[in-house]
Amino acid sequence: MAHPKRRISKQRRNKRRTHDKIVPKVIAKCSNCGAAVQYHTVCPVCGYYRGKLAIEKAVVA
């Protein structure tokens, strides 16, 4: 395995890693039922995605 010719400084290493941080999840409101939903996912409460029924939910009575 090859060895680096020069030591990589802390600043250069950290600049490379700036995009590796954990991004917080963005929460939106469901347009159908108003529940809190993560972006680009089907609503776990009503099963709608972008105004259309995506998953048939069983009605508990």
PDB file of N, CA and C in Angstrom:
ATOM      1  N   MET A   1       0.842  -1.179   0.000  1.00  0.00           N
ATOM      2  CA  MET A   1       0.000   0.000   0.000  1.00  0.00           C
ATOM      3  C   MET A   1       0.886   1.241   0.000  1.00  0.00           C
ATOM      4  N   ALA A   2       0.512   2.231  -0.768  1.00  0.00           N
ATOM      5  CA  ALA A   2       1.312   3.443  -0.890  1.00  0.00           C
ATOM      6  C   ALA A   2       1.198   4.310   0.352  1.00  0.00           C
ATOM      7  N   HIS A   3       2.261   5.035   0.644  1.00  0.00           N
ATOM      8  CA  HIS A   3       2.287   5.944   1.782  1.00  0.00           C
ATOM      9  C   HIS A   3       2.241   7.374   1.259  1.00  0.00           C
ATOM     10  N   PRO A   4       1.548   8.260   1.982  1.00  0.00           N
ATOM     11  CA  PRO A   4       1.512   9.653   1.545  1.00  0.00           C
ATOM     12  C   PRO A   4       2.874  10.320   1.698  1.00  0.00           C
ATOM     13  N   LYS A   5       3.224  11.184   0.749  1.00  0.00           N
ATOM     14  CA  LYS A   5       4.516  11.866   0.811  1.00  0.00           C
ATOM     15  C   LYS A   5       4.503  12.984   1.838  1.00  0.00           C
ATOM     16  N   ARG A   6       3.342  13.617   2.038  1.00  0.00           N
ATOM     17  CA  ARG A   6       3.226  14.712   2.992  1.00  0.00           C
ATOM     18  C   ARG A   6       2.056  14.430   3.937  1.00  0.00           C
ATOM     19  N   ARG A   7       2.186  14.939   5.136  1.00  0.00           N
ATOM     20  CA  ARG A   7       1.113  14.792   6.114  1.00  0.00           C
ATOM     21  C   ARG A   7      -0.036  15.723   5.723  1.00  0.00           C
ATOM     22  N   ILE A   8      -1.256  15.244   5.834  1.00  0.00           N
ATOM     23  CA  ILE A   8      -2.423  16.073   5.540  1.00  0.00           C
ATOM     24  C   ILE A   8      -2.759  16.863   6.799  1.00  0.00           C
ATOM     25  N   SER A   9      -2.824  18.174   6.670  1.00  0.00           N
ATOM     26  CA  SER A   9      -3.068  19.031   7.824  1.00  0.00           C
ATOM     27  C   SER A   9      -4.499  18.850   8.331  1.00  0.00           C
ATOM     28  N   LYS A  10      -4.706  19.259   9.579  1.00  0.00           N
ATOM     29  CA  LYS A  10      -6.038  19.152  10.184  1.00  0.00           C
ATOM     30  C   LYS A  10      -7.044  20.000   9.416  1.00  0.00           C
ATOM     31  N   GLN A  11      -6.600  21.161   8.969  1.00  0.00           N
ATOM     32  CA  GLN A  11      -7.494  22.048   8.241  1.00  0.00           C
ATOM     33  C   GLN A  11      -7.925  21.425   6.912  1.00  0.00           C
ATOM     34  N   ARG A  12      -6.999  20.847   6.183  1.00  0.00           N
ATOM     35  CA  ARG A  12      -7.324  20.227   4.894  1.00  0.00           C
ATOM     36  C   ARG A  12      -8.236  19.020   5.090  1.00  0.00           C
ATOM     37  N   ARG A  13      -7.946  18.221   6.123  1.00  0.00           N
ATOM     38  CA  ARG A  13      -8.770  17.052   6.430  1.00  0.00           C
ATOM     39  C   ARG A  13     -10.190  17.480   6.783  1.00  0.00           C
ATOM     40  N   ASN A  14     -10.316  18.505   7.608  1.00  0.00           N
ATOM     41  CA  ASN A  14     -11.634  18.957   8.039  1.00  0.00           C
ATOM     42  C   ASN A  14     -12.419  19.622   6.912  1.00  0.00           C
ATOM     43  N   LYS A  15     -11.727  20.284   5.980  1.00  0.00           N
ATOM     44  CA  LYS A  15     -12.415  20.855   4.818  1.00  0.00           C
ATOM     45  C   LYS A  15     -13.052  19.758   3.977  1.00  0.00           C
ATOM     46  N   ARG A  16     -12.359  18.644   3.843  1.00  0.00           N
ATOM     47  CA  ARG A  16     -12.875  17.529   3.064  1.00  0.00           C
ATOM     48  C   ARG A  16     -14.096  16.903   3.728  1.00  0.00           C
ATOM     49  N   ARG A  17     -14.145  16.942   5.051  1.00  0.00           N
ATOM     50  CA  ARG A  17     -15.215  16.285   5.801  1.00  0.00           C
ATOM     51  C   ARG A  17     -16.403  17.198   6.099  1.00  0.00           C
ATOM     52  N   THR A  18     -16.440  18.398   5.559  1.00  0.00           N
ATOM     53  CA  THR A  18     -17.518  19.327   5.899  1.00  0.00           C
ATOM     54  C   THR A  18     -18.883  18.824   5.455  1.00  0.00           C
ATOM     55  N   HIS A  19     -18.940  17.999   4.425  1.00  0.00           N
ATOM     56  CA  HIS A  19     -20.220  17.515   3.917  1.00  0.00           C
ATOM     57  C   HIS A  19     -20.631  16.188   4.543  1.00  0.00           C
ATOM     58  N   ASP A  20     -19.852  15.666   5.466  1.00  0.00           N
ATOM     59  CA  ASP A  20     -20.158  14.379   6.073  1.00  0.00           C
ATOM     60  C   ASP A  20     -21.038  14.481   7.306  1.00  0.00           C
ATOM     61  N   LYS A  21     -21.400  15.693   7.708  1.00  0.00           N
ATOM     62  CA  LYS A  21     -22.198  15.847   8.918  1.00  0.00           C
ATOM     63  C   LYS A  21     -23.614  15.318   8.697  1.00  0.00           C
ATOM     64  N   ILE A  22     -24.268  15.008   9.785  1.00  0.00           N
ATOM     65  CA  ILE A  22     -25.636  14.488   9.721  1.00  0.00           C
ATOM     66  C   ILE A  22     -26.587  15.658   9.489  1.00  0.00           C
ATOM     67  N   VAL A  23     -27.440  15.525   8.482  1.00  0.00           N
ATOM     68  CA  VAL A  23     -28.391  16.568   8.140  1.00  0.00           C
ATOM     69  C   VAL A  23     -29.686  16.301   8.898  1.00  0.00           C
ATOM     70  N   PRO A  24     -30.250  17.282   9.576  1.00  0.00           N
ATOM     71  CA  PRO A  24     -31.496  17.055  10.307  1.00  0.00           C
ATOM     72  C   PRO A  24     -32.656  16.773   9.344  1.00  0.00           C
ATOM     73  N   LYS A  25     -33.584  15.949   9.786  1.00  0.00           N
ATOM     74  CA  LYS A  25     -34.744  15.621   8.952  1.00  0.00           C
ATOM     75  C   LYS A  25     -35.681  16.816   8.890  1.00  0.00           C
ATOM     76  N   VAL A  26     -36.230  17.043   7.703  1.00  0.00           N
ATOM     77  CA  VAL A  26     -37.145  18.161   7.508  1.00  0.00           C
ATOM     78  C   VAL A  26     -38.563  17.633   7.660  1.00  0.00           C
ATOM     79  N   ILE A  27     -39.312  18.270   8.546  1.00  0.00           N
ATOM     80  CA  ILE A  27     -40.676  17.837   8.834  1.00  0.00           C
ATOM     81  C   ILE A  27     -41.654  18.796   8.155  1.00  0.00           C
ATOM     82  N   ALA A  28     -42.645  18.221   7.500  1.00  0.00           N
ATOM     83  CA  ALA A  28     -43.689  19.003   6.840  1.00  0.00           C
ATOM     84  C   ALA A  28     -45.047  18.582   7.391  1.00  0.00           C
ATOM     85  N   LYS A  29     -46.096  19.234   6.935  1.00  0.00           N
ATOM     86  CA  LYS A  29     -47.453  18.908   7.351  1.00  0.00           C
ATOM     87  C   LYS A  29     -48.156  18.198   6.212  1.00  0.00           C
ATOM     88  N   CYS A  30     -48.838  17.091   6.531  1.00  0.00           N
ATOM     89  CA  CYS A  30     -49.581  16.324   5.520  1.00  0.00           C
ATOM     90  C   CYS A  30     -50.712  17.188   4.970  1.00  0.00           C
ATOM     91  N   SER A  31     -50.839  17.240   3.652  1.00  0.00           N
ATOM     92  CA  SER A  31     -51.876  18.061   3.032  1.00  0.00           C
ATOM     93  C   SER A  31     -53.274  17.463   3.205  1.00  0.00           C
ATOM     94  N   ASN A  32     -53.344  16.168   3.522  1.00  0.00           N
ATOM     95  CA  ASN A  32     -54.634  15.504   3.663  1.00  0.00           C
ATOM     96  C   ASN A  32     -55.147  15.549   5.105  1.00  0.00           C
ATOM     97  N   CYS A  33     -54.318  15.106   6.064  1.00  0.00           N
ATOM     98  CA  CYS A  33     -54.787  15.006   7.450  1.00  0.00           C
ATOM     99  C   CYS A  33     -54.113  15.992   8.398  1.00  0.00           C
ATOM    100  N   GLY A  34     -53.018  16.618   7.996  1.00  0.00           N
ATOM    101  CA  GLY A  34     -52.355  17.604   8.833  1.00  0.00           C
ATOM    102  C   GLY A  34     -51.336  17.042   9.801  1.00  0.00           C
ATOM    103  N   ALA A  35     -51.049  15.760   9.713  1.00  0.00           N
ATOM    104  CA  ALA A  35     -50.064  15.146  10.601  1.00  0.00           C
ATOM    105  C   ALA A  35     -48.648  15.537  10.187  1.00  0.00           C
ATOM    106  N   ALA A  36     -47.706  15.438  11.127  1.00  0.00           N
ATOM    107  CA  ALA A  36     -46.305  15.746  10.834  1.00  0.00           C
ATOM    108  C   ALA A  36     -45.693  14.591  10.050  1.00  0.00           C
ATOM    109  N   VAL A  37     -45.091  14.922   8.888  1.00  0.00           N
ATOM    110  CA  VAL A  37     -44.546  13.907   7.985  1.00  0.00           C
ATOM    111  C   VAL A  37     -43.174  14.356   7.516  1.00  0.00           C
ATOM    112  N   GLN A  38     -42.249  13.414   7.355  1.00  0.00           N
ATOM    113  CA  GLN A  38     -40.948  13.723   6.765  1.00  0.00           C
ATOM    114  C   GLN A  38     -41.142  13.925   5.266  1.00  0.00           C
ATOM    115  N   TYR A  39     -40.383  14.867   4.686  1.00  0.00           N
ATOM    116  CA  TYR A  39     -40.504  15.142   3.257  1.00  0.00           C
ATOM    117  C   TYR A  39     -40.265  13.888   2.419  1.00  0.00           C
ATOM    118  N   HIS A  40     -40.943  13.783   1.288  1.00  0.00           N
ATOM    119  CA  HIS A  40     -40.798  12.716   0.298  1.00  0.00           C
ATOM    120  C   HIS A  40     -41.144  11.341   0.861  1.00  0.00           C
ATOM    121  N   THR A  41     -42.054  11.276   1.808  1.00  0.00           N
ATOM    122  CA  THR A  41     -42.512   9.997   2.350  1.00  0.00           C
ATOM    123  C   THR A  41     -44.028   9.985   2.425  1.00  0.00           C
ATOM    124  N   VAL A  42     -44.588   8.785   2.435  1.00  0.00           N
ATOM    125  CA  VAL A  42     -46.023   8.610   2.561  1.00  0.00           C
ATOM    126  C   VAL A  42     -46.416   8.908   4.000  1.00  0.00           C
ATOM    127  N   CYS A  43     -47.559   9.541   4.190  1.00  0.00           N
ATOM    128  CA  CYS A  43     -48.047   9.872   5.532  1.00  0.00           C
ATOM    129  C   CYS A  43     -48.362   8.571   6.278  1.00  0.00           C
ATOM    130  N   PRO A  44     -47.775   8.364   7.462  1.00  0.00           N
ATOM    131  CA  PRO A  44     -48.040   7.127   8.202  1.00  0.00           C
ATOM    132  C   PRO A  44     -49.435   7.076   8.799  1.00  0.00           C
ATOM    133  N   VAL A  45     -50.108   8.217   8.890  1.00  0.00           N
ATOM    134  CA  VAL A  45     -51.441   8.258   9.497  1.00  0.00           C
ATOM    135  C   VAL A  45     -52.529   7.919   8.483  1.00  0.00           C
ATOM    136  N   CYS A  46     -52.529   8.630   7.341  1.00  0.00           N
ATOM    137  CA  CYS A  46     -53.616   8.447   6.374  1.00  0.00           C
ATOM    138  C   CYS A  46     -53.199   7.693   5.114  1.00  0.00           C
ATOM    139  N   GLY A  47     -51.881   7.593   4.829  1.00  0.00           N
ATOM    140  CA  GLY A  47     -51.422   6.846   3.669  1.00  0.00           C
ATOM    141  C   GLY A  47     -51.404   7.637   2.375  1.00  0.00           C
ATOM    142  N   TYR A  48     -51.520   8.968   2.459  1.00  0.00           N
ATOM    143  CA  TYR A  48     -51.517   9.797   1.261  1.00  0.00           C
ATOM    144  C   TYR A  48     -50.119  10.334   0.977  1.00  0.00           C
ATOM    145  N   TYR A  49     -49.812  10.523  -0.312  1.00  0.00           N
ATOM    146  CA  TYR A  49     -48.556  11.144  -0.734  1.00  0.00           C
ATOM    147  C   TYR A  49     -48.867  12.066  -1.893  1.00  0.00           C
ATOM    148  N   ARG A  50     -48.565  13.335  -1.744  1.00  0.00           N
ATOM    149  CA  ARG A  50     -48.799  14.367  -2.746  1.00  0.00           C
ATOM    150  C   ARG A  50     -50.254  14.419  -3.201  1.00  0.00           C
ATOM    151  N   GLY A  51     -51.170  14.278  -2.256  1.00  0.00           N
ATOM    152  CA  GLY A  51     -52.595  14.403  -2.555  1.00  0.00           C
ATOM    153  C   GLY A  51     -53.249  13.160  -3.121  1.00  0.00           C
ATOM    154  N   LYS A  52     -52.509  12.066  -3.261  1.00  0.00           N
ATOM    155  CA  LYS A  52     -53.071  10.835  -3.798  1.00  0.00           C
ATOM    156  C   LYS A  52     -52.898   9.711  -2.798  1.00  0.00           C
ATOM    157  N   LEU A  53     -53.838   8.770  -2.793  1.00  0.00           N
ATOM    158  CA  LEU A  53     -53.765   7.637  -1.890  1.00  0.00           C
ATOM    159  C   LEU A  53     -52.659   6.699  -2.362  1.00  0.00           C
ATOM    160  N   ALA A  54     -51.682   6.469  -1.503  1.00  0.00           N
ATOM    161  CA  ALA A  54     -50.539   5.630  -1.863  1.00  0.00           C
ATOM    162  C   ALA A  54     -50.620   4.274  -1.188  1.00  0.00           C
ATOM    163  N   ILE A  55     -51.075   4.255   0.062  1.00  0.00           N
ATOM    164  CA  ILE A  55     -51.178   3.011   0.826  1.00  0.00           C
ATOM    165  C   ILE A  55     -52.574   2.939   1.431  1.00  0.00           C
ATOM    166  N   GLU A  56     -53.222   1.809   1.240  1.00  0.00           N
ATOM    167  CA  GLU A  56     -54.531   1.589   1.818  1.00  0.00           C
ATOM    168  C   GLU A  56     -54.379   1.335   3.309  1.00  0.00           C
ATOM    169  N   LYS A  57     -54.942   2.207   4.133  1.00  0.00           N
ATOM    170  CA  LYS A  57     -54.858   2.075   5.588  1.00  0.00           C
ATOM    171  C   LYS A  57     -56.120   1.412   6.101  1.00  0.00           C
ATOM    172  N   ALA A  58     -55.952   0.505   7.067  1.00  0.00           N
ATOM    173  CA  ALA A  58     -57.116  -0.149   7.692  1.00  0.00           C
ATOM    174  C   ALA A  58     -57.755   0.823   8.668  1.00  0.00           C
ATOM    175  N   VAL A  59     -59.074   0.903   8.642  1.00  0.00           N
ATOM    176  CA  VAL A  59     -59.806   1.803   9.523  1.00  0.00           C
ATOM    177  C   VAL A  59     -60.084   1.076  10.826  1.00  0.00           C
ATOM    178  N   VAL A  60     -59.614   1.645  11.926  1.00  0.00           N
ATOM    179  CA  VAL A  60     -59.829   1.047  13.247  1.00  0.00           C
ATOM    180  C   VAL A  60     -61.019   1.743  13.872  1.00  0.00           C
ATOM    181  N   ALA A  61     -62.067   0.958  14.186  1.00  0.00           N
ATOM    182  CA  ALA A  61     -63.281   1.557  14.763  1.00  0.00           C
ATOM    183  C   ALA A  61     -63.588   0.985  16.118  1.00  0.00           C
TER     184      ALA A  61
END
